[in-house]
Amino acid sequence: MPNYGDKSYWEERYKSCENSTFDWLENYSTLKDIISSLNIPKDSGRVLNLGCGNSEFSENMYSDGYKNIYNIDISENVIKAMSQRNKDKEGMIYEVMDVRKLNYEDNSFDLAVDKSTIDALLCGDNAFINVAKMIKEVQRVLKVGGYYMIISYGTPEYRMLHLSRKFEKFKIEILKIEKDFVEEDGYDKHHYIYLCQKLEGADEISQKFFESTLDELITQQKMEEEEEEEIENDKDEKDEKDEYTEKDKDNIENDGKLTNMGTSVKIEISKKDKKDSKTNVEDNKVISDVL
């Protein structure tokens, strides 16, 4: 499985499809009414599109009257292509930027849109740590009363874990977009929208608790890595023992052939395939379906 949190993956992906567009999960037409309900001024409101990719979402939003849209992505290839595509749109900005470190001032945006960027980060290395860094930055650049709008495959059971850290202070409303099809495997592929409104005091809460939360996540990850390494070592030891057992049985088989004067005894040994350890099963499955 590709590392969807890695820059090189996206550079290669967008290089191979530089003249095409693709909207993750939902397009602007299905989200228009929800965005309109947030009462963001079209002329003066500032919108941040996180991990914009080659989506037409911002273009359609711009056509609907929103004139200050900042689009960022970690891929230089896609930013170059989309900048050229929309060079005639004044106020439509495209910048190469990491969502974990935003180069914008505090309290400067009315809306931040995340169309499955959180899903991609959760399918990469250091997933929980990177998502915490992104949310901390998004909360910082939002105005008090501004919205962090996440469109995701992730169910509340999984996503609310990341939206209820000590350093966050949001009022959250969860919407579910029903799909008009049924998956054969029965897997829930509905899309969820998390409307996270920044509350008064959020900046102070973040300054107070972010570093300690990050330390906890780093410690948790190290413990999980050590546990996985221990499990892997146990599997290797078992495989090694099974290998010796197979050799012993082969020796017994050969001895039997020598002492039984032509009587051949065949012993079949079946090996169990070694399965890779998989983390974030729910997130990896849904993002793979899209990609």
Foldseek 3Di string as FASTA:
>chain_A
DDQLQDQVVLQVVCVVVLPDADDFPDAQVVCVVVVVVLVADQDPAAEEEEQCFRHCRVVVSVVVRRQAYEYEHQHPSRLVSVCVVPVVRHNYHYDYDQLLDDPDAFQAHQEYEARCPLLSLCSHPLSLLSLLSNVLSVLGRHHQQHKYKYKHQDDCVPCVVSQDDQLADWDWDKDWADDPDADPVRDRRIIMIIITGGHPPSVVSNVVPVVVVSVVSVVVVVVVVVVLVVVVVVVVVVVVVVVVVVVVVVVVQVVCCVPVPNDHDDDDDDDDDDDDDDPPVVSVVNVVVVD
